[in-house]
C-alpha atoms as a PDB file:
ATOM      1  CA  MET A   1      89.612  57.617 104.201  1.00  0.00           C
ATOM      2  CA  LYS A   2      87.287  59.543 106.530  1.00  0.00           C
ATOM      3  CA  THR A   3      90.086  61.970 107.286  1.00  0.00           C
ATOM      4  CA  ALA A   4      90.624  62.634 103.596  1.00  0.00           C
ATOM      5  CA  LYS A   5      86.911  63.334 103.082  1.00  0.00           C
ATOM      6  CA  ARG A   6      86.881  65.673 106.060  1.00  0.00           C
ATOM      7  CA  MET A   7      89.917  67.503 104.723  1.00  0.00           C
ATOM      8  CA  VAL A   8      88.262  67.931 101.319  1.00  0.00           C
ATOM      9  CA  VAL A   9      85.073  69.252 102.935  1.00  0.00           C
ATOM     10  CA  LEU A  10      87.079  71.577 105.192  1.00  0.00           C
ATOM     11  CA  LEU A  11      89.088  72.860 102.223  1.00  0.00           C
ATOM     12  CA  LEU A  12      85.867  73.464 100.287  1.00  0.00           C
ATOM     13  CA  VAL A  13      84.317  75.373 103.199  1.00  0.00           C
ATOM     14  CA  VAL A  14      87.446  77.509 103.646  1.00  0.00           C
ATOM     15  CA  THR A  15      87.572  78.257  99.903  1.00  0.00           C
ATOM     16  CA  ILE A  16      83.915  79.287  99.841  1.00  0.00           C
ATOM     17  CA  ALA A  17      84.351  81.469 102.926  1.00  0.00           C
ATOM     18  CA  ALA A  18      87.408  83.170 101.455  1.00  0.00           C
ATOM     19  CA  SER A  19      85.672  83.909  98.171  1.00  0.00           C
ATOM     20  CA  ALA A  20      82.603  85.227  99.973  1.00  0.00           C
ATOM     21  CA  ARG A  21      84.752  87.837 101.738  1.00  0.00           C
ATOM     22  CA  LYS A  22      86.074  89.262  98.467  1.00  0.00           C
ATOM     23  CA  ARG A  23      83.934  92.311  97.785  1.00  0.00           C
ATOM     24  CA  ASP A  24      83.443  93.983  94.463  1.00  0.00           C
ATOM     25  CA  PRO A  25      84.369  97.658  94.824  1.00  0.00           C
ATOM     26  CA  LEU A  26      81.734  98.600  92.233  1.00  0.00           C
ATOM     27  CA  THR A  27      78.017  98.776  92.745  1.00  0.00           C
ATOM     28  CA  ASP A  28      75.790  97.135  90.137  1.00  0.00           C
ATOM     29  CA  ALA A  29      74.892 100.573  88.757  1.00  0.00           C
ATOM     30  CA  GLU A  30      78.565 101.528  88.447  1.00  0.00           C
ATOM     31  CA  ALA A  31      79.381  98.259  86.675  1.00  0.00           C
ATOM     32  CA  ASP A  32      76.523  98.918  84.239  1.00  0.00           C
ATOM     33  CA  GLN A  33      77.860 102.408  83.503  1.00  0.00           C
ATOM     34  CA  LEU A  34      81.292 100.948  82.755  1.00  0.00           C
ATOM     35  CA  ARG A  35      79.813  98.331  80.431  1.00  0.00           C
ATOM     36  CA  GLN A  36      78.130 101.084  78.434  1.00  0.00           C
ATOM     37  CA  VAL A  37      81.492 102.752  77.713  1.00  0.00           C
ATOM     38  CA  ALA A  38      83.592  99.586  77.485  1.00  0.00           C
ATOM     39  CA  LEU A  39      85.260 100.640  74.236  1.00  0.00           C
ATOM     40  CA  GLU A  40      85.843 104.284  75.123  1.00  0.00           C
ATOM     41  CA  PRO A  41      89.010 104.613  77.243  1.00  0.00           C
ATOM     42  CA  TYR A  42      88.549 108.267  78.143  1.00  0.00           C
ATOM     43  CA  LYS A  43      84.979 107.780  79.329  1.00  0.00           C
ATOM     44  CA  ARG A  44      86.039 104.712  81.332  1.00  0.00           C
ATOM     45  CA  LEU A  45      88.777 106.705  83.056  1.00  0.00           C
ATOM     46  CA  LYS A  46      86.328 109.512  83.855  1.00  0.00           C
ATOM     47  CA  LEU A  47      83.948 107.006  85.413  1.00  0.00           C
ATOM     48  CA  PHE A  48      86.678 105.361  87.460  1.00  0.00           C
ATOM     49  CA  ILE A  49      87.775 108.781  88.710  1.00  0.00           C
ATOM     50  CA  LYS A  50      84.167 109.582  89.626  1.00  0.00           C
ATOM     51  CA  PHE A  51      83.709 106.261  91.480  1.00  0.00           C
ATOM     52  CA  THR A  52      87.020 106.621  93.296  1.00  0.00           C
ATOM     53  CA  ASP A  53      86.085 110.165  94.301  1.00  0.00           C
ATOM     54  CA  ALA A  54      82.806 108.849  95.663  1.00  0.00           C
ATOM     55  CA  ARG A  55      84.620 106.455  98.020  1.00  0.00           C
ATOM     56  CA  LEU A  56      86.586 109.301  99.582  1.00  0.00           C
ATOM     57  CA  ALA A  57      83.447 111.429  99.807  1.00  0.00           C
ATOM     58  CA  SER A  58      81.752 108.543 101.633  1.00  0.00           C
ATOM     59  CA  ILE A  59      84.632 108.454 104.113  1.00  0.00           C
ATOM     60  CA  ASP A  60      84.241 112.202 104.713  1.00  0.00           C
ATOM     61  CA  GLU A  61      80.494 111.797 105.257  1.00  0.00           C
ATOM     62  CA  LEU A  62      81.039 108.878 107.598  1.00  0.00           C
ATOM     63  CA  ARG A  63      83.560 110.789 109.660  1.00  0.00           C
ATOM     64  CA  ALA A  64      81.280 113.834 109.906  1.00  0.00           C
ATOM     65  CA  ASP A  65      78.222 111.888 111.076  1.00  0.00           C
ATOM     66  CA  ALA A  66      78.302 111.256 114.835  1.00  0.00           C
ATOM     67  CA  ALA A  67      75.423 108.792 114.461  1.00  0.00           C
ATOM     68  CA  GLN A  68      77.722 106.547 112.409  1.00  0.00           C
ATOM     69  CA  ALA A  69      80.341 106.184 115.166  1.00  0.00           C
ATOM     70  CA  ASN A  70      79.527 102.526 115.786  1.00  0.00           C
ATOM     71  CA  GLY A  71      81.733 100.468 113.484  1.00  0.00           C
ATOM     72  CA  ARG A  72      83.044 103.549 111.691  1.00  0.00           C
ATOM     73  CA  GLY A  73      86.657 102.305 111.627  1.00  0.00           C
ATOM     74  CA  ARG A  74      85.637  99.086 109.865  1.00  0.00           C
ATOM     75  CA  LYS A  75      83.470 100.977 107.369  1.00  0.00           C
ATOM     76  CA  ILE A  76      86.364 103.322 106.580  1.00  0.00           C
ATOM     77  CA  HIS A  77      88.572 100.263 106.162  1.00  0.00           C
ATOM     78  CA  ASP A  78      86.184  98.815 103.562  1.00  0.00           C
ATOM     79  CA  LEU A  79      85.923 102.122 101.695  1.00  0.00           C
ATOM     80  CA  LEU A  80      89.715 102.426 101.636  1.00  0.00           C
ATOM     81  CA  GLU A  81      89.975  98.907 100.231  1.00  0.00           C
ATOM     82  CA  ASP A  82      87.458  99.845  97.538  1.00  0.00           C
ATOM     83  CA  PHE A  83      89.457 103.001  96.851  1.00  0.00           C
ATOM     84  CA  GLY A  84      92.621 100.935  96.365  1.00  0.00           C
ATOM     85  CA  ALA A  85      90.836  98.425  94.136  1.00  0.00           C
ATOM     86  CA  LEU A  86      89.492 101.245  91.968  1.00  0.00           C
ATOM     87  CA  LEU A  87      92.986 102.718  91.679  1.00  0.00           C
ATOM     88  CA  ASP A  88      94.159  99.296  90.499  1.00  0.00           C
ATOM     89  CA  GLU A  89      91.408  99.398  87.857  1.00  0.00           C
ATOM     90  CA  ILE A  90      92.563 102.844  86.751  1.00  0.00           C
ATOM     91  CA  ASN A  91      96.106 101.484  86.401  1.00  0.00           C
ATOM     92  CA  ALA A  92      94.850  98.479  84.438  1.00  0.00           C
ATOM     93  CA  ASN A  93      92.955 100.767  82.067  1.00  0.00           C
ATOM     94  CA  LEU A  94      95.992 102.976  81.585  1.00  0.00           C
ATOM     95  CA  ASP A  95      98.125  99.909  80.882  1.00  0.00           C
ATOM     96  CA  THR A  96      95.580  98.643  78.359  1.00  0.00           C
ATOM     97  CA  TYR A  97      95.723 101.749  76.212  1.00  0.00           C
ATOM     98  CA  GLN A  98      99.361 102.781  76.715  1.00  0.00           C
ATOM     99  CA  GLY A  99     101.462 101.954  73.700  1.00  0.00           C
ATOM    100  CA  ARG A 100      98.515 100.970  71.544  1.00  0.00           C
ATOM    101  CA  PRO A 101      98.232 102.591  68.170  1.00  0.00           C
ATOM    102  CA  LEU A 102      95.539 105.211  68.691  1.00  0.00           C
ATOM    103  CA  SER A 103      93.828 107.556  66.298  1.00  0.00           C
ATOM    104  CA  LYS A 104      94.593 111.258  66.711  1.00  0.00           C
ATOM    105  CA  ASP A 105      91.306 111.832  68.585  1.00  0.00           C
ATOM    106  CA  ASP A 106      91.809 108.793  70.811  1.00  0.00           C
ATOM    107  CA  ARG A 107      95.379 109.907  71.579  1.00  0.00           C
ATOM    108  CA  LYS A 108      94.090 113.360  72.608  1.00  0.00           C
ATOM    109  CA  ASP A 109      91.401 111.763  74.775  1.00  0.00           C
ATOM    110  CA  PHE A 110      93.941 109.407  76.377  1.00  0.00           C
ATOM    111  CA  HIS A 111      96.260 112.344  77.082  1.00  0.00           C
ATOM    112  CA  LYS A 112      93.355 114.312  78.555  1.00  0.00           C
ATOM    113  CA  GLY A 113      92.430 111.304  80.696  1.00  0.00           C
ATOM    114  CA  LEU A 114      95.997 111.016  81.961  1.00  0.00           C
ATOM    115  CA  LYS A 115      95.943 114.678  83.013  1.00  0.00           C
ATOM    116  CA  GLU A 116      92.663 114.130  84.853  1.00  0.00           C
ATOM    117  CA  VAL A 117      94.059 111.066  86.630  1.00  0.00           C
ATOM    118  CA  ILE A 118      97.097 113.083  87.758  1.00  0.00           C
ATOM    119  CA  GLU A 119      94.896 115.942  89.015  1.00  0.00           C
ATOM    120  CA  ALA A 120      92.632 113.486  90.850  1.00  0.00           C
ATOM    121  CA  CYS A 121      95.634 111.712  92.396  1.00  0.00           C
ATOM    122  CA  ASP A 122      96.930 115.013  93.754  1.00  0.00           C
ATOM    123  CA  LYS A 123      93.529 115.762  95.288  1.00  0.00           C
ATOM    124  CA  TRP A 124      93.192 112.241  96.708  1.00  0.00           C
ATOM    125  CA  GLU A 125      96.672 112.380  98.181  1.00  0.00           C
ATOM    126  CA  ALA A 126      95.726 115.464 100.185  1.00  0.00           C
ATOM    127  CA  LYS A 127      92.560 113.752 101.458  1.00  0.00           C
ATOM    128  CA  LEU A 128      94.436 110.613 102.516  1.00  0.00           C
ATOM    129  CA  LYS A 129      97.073 112.699 104.299  1.00  0.00           C
ATOM    130  CA  SER A 130      94.293 114.554 106.090  1.00  0.00           C
ATOM    131  CA  LEU A 131      92.656 111.266 107.096  1.00  0.00           C
ATOM    132  CA  LYS A 132      95.966 110.007 108.456  1.00  0.00           C
ATOM    133  CA  SER A 133      96.699 113.165 110.446  1.00  0.00           C
ATOM    134  CA  ASP A 134      93.113 113.397 111.740  1.00  0.00           C
ATOM    135  CA  SER A 135      93.307 109.787 112.905  1.00  0.00           C
ATOM    136  CA  GLU A 136      95.960 110.831 115.418  1.00  0.00           C
ATOM    137  CA  THR A 137      94.105 113.778 116.979  1.00  0.00           C
ATOM    138  CA  GLY A 138      91.930 112.214 119.655  1.00  0.00           C
ATOM    139  CA  PRO A 139      91.293 108.996 121.543  1.00  0.00           C
ATOM    140  CA  GLN A 140      88.177 108.096 119.532  1.00  0.00           C
ATOM    141  CA  THR A 141      89.749 108.680 116.122  1.00  0.00           C
ATOM    142  CA  THR A 142      92.946 106.917 117.189  1.00  0.00           C
ATOM    143  CA  LYS A 143      90.909 103.894 118.279  1.00  0.00           C
ATOM    144  CA  GLU A 144      88.947 103.883 115.002  1.00  0.00           C
ATOM    145  CA  ALA A 145      92.169 104.208 113.009  1.00  0.00           C
ATOM    146  CA  GLU A 146      93.337 100.861 114.349  1.00  0.00           C
ATOM    147  CA  ASP A 147      90.701  99.286 112.085  1.00  0.00           C
ATOM    148  CA  TYR A 148      91.918 100.974 108.926  1.00  0.00           C
ATOM    149  CA  ARG A 149      95.584 101.814 109.482  1.00  0.00           C
ATOM    150  CA  PHE A 150      96.888  99.143 107.067  1.00  0.00           C
ATOM    151  CA  ALA A 151      94.159  99.794 104.503  1.00  0.00           C
ATOM    152  CA  LEU A 152      95.112 103.475 104.573  1.00  0.00           C
ATOM    153  CA  GLN A 153      98.774 102.636 103.980  1.00  0.00           C
ATOM    154  CA  ASP A 154      97.804 100.320 101.094  1.00  0.00           C
ATOM    155  CA  ALA A 155      95.597 103.044  99.627  1.00  0.00           C
ATOM    156  CA  GLN A 156      98.441 105.566  99.834  1.00  0.00           C
ATOM    157  CA  ASP A 157     100.805 103.094  98.144  1.00  0.00           C
ATOM    158  CA  SER A 158      98.275 102.377  95.375  1.00  0.00           C
ATOM    159  CA  LEU A 159      97.728 106.085  94.911  1.00  0.00           C
ATOM    160  CA  GLN A 160     101.440 106.766  94.577  1.00  0.00           C
ATOM    161  CA  SER A 161     101.712 103.985  92.001  1.00  0.00           C
ATOM    162  CA  ALA A 162      98.754 105.302  89.984  1.00  0.00           C
ATOM    163  CA  ALA A 163     100.175 108.829  89.967  1.00  0.00           C
ATOM    164  CA  GLU A 164     103.610 107.602  88.888  1.00  0.00           C
ATOM    165  CA  ILE A 165     102.152 105.497  86.082  1.00  0.00           C
ATOM    166  CA  ALA A 166      99.994 108.368  84.802  1.00  0.00           C
ATOM    167  CA  ARG A 167     102.931 110.791  84.898  1.00  0.00           C
ATOM    168  CA  GLU A 168     105.173 108.301  83.109  1.00  0.00           C
ATOM    169  CA  TYR A 169     102.570 107.634  80.423  1.00  0.00           C
ATOM    170  CA  ILE A 170     101.865 111.312  79.840  1.00  0.00           C
ATOM    171  CA  GLU A 171     105.561 111.842  79.132  1.00  0.00           C
ATOM    172  CA  GLU A 172     105.666 108.832  76.799  1.00  0.00           C
ATOM    173  CA  THR A 173     102.467 109.651  74.905  1.00  0.00           C
ATOM    174  CA  PRO A 174     102.944 112.507  72.470  1.00  0.00           C
ATOM    175  CA  LEU A 175      99.834 114.321  71.386  1.00  0.00           C
ATOM    176  CA  GLU A 176     100.941 114.124  67.774  1.00  0.00           C
ATOM    177  CA  GLU A 177     102.086 110.946  66.111  1.00  0.00           C
ATOM    178  CA  LYS A 178     105.743 111.045  65.181  1.00  0.00           C
ATOM    179  CA  PRO A 179     106.236 111.251  61.420  1.00  0.00           C
ATOM    180  CA  ALA A 180     107.885 108.277  59.768  1.00  0.00           C
ATOM    181  CA  LYS A 181     111.562 108.750  59.020  1.00  0.00           C
ATOM    182  CA  LYS A 182     112.421 109.187  55.357  1.00  0.00           C
ATOM    183  CA  LYS A 183     114.871 106.716  53.893  1.00  0.00           C
END
């Protein structure tokens, strides 16, 4: 009986510890901004693009600041995880509105949002490639890269998926609604 109680307590502690490690990629301010545009898909996409951009900008700032060298690899790892989580949110938003009956204005906005996602993905891909190549240039960057190598690969995979989904949806989403066939 004591063993069972200990196992339950141990399981509870492990569960709490695991959930405590799960970070929200959004700040409170970012989450508030998203709540304000909850019913406006184009504005949500724009915000997600902005937040995702900010994570890569933070990585650039971190890499440029010599004073931040201590623990830099781990910080880059966390930012890359946030980047990937935000890409997943972009995909989820695209999935939510793809195939839904949309008004003409909403369809134009969705199409415009898809184009912006594709443009952002192209820009982000170049930054991630640069991060990967720069991580192999010197002993310090190579050592730091050990902390974020897998997170970088995950981010690149998520990015490729987001770009593919956006490109697929832009092809499937005509700007004009197809007229009904006459019988």
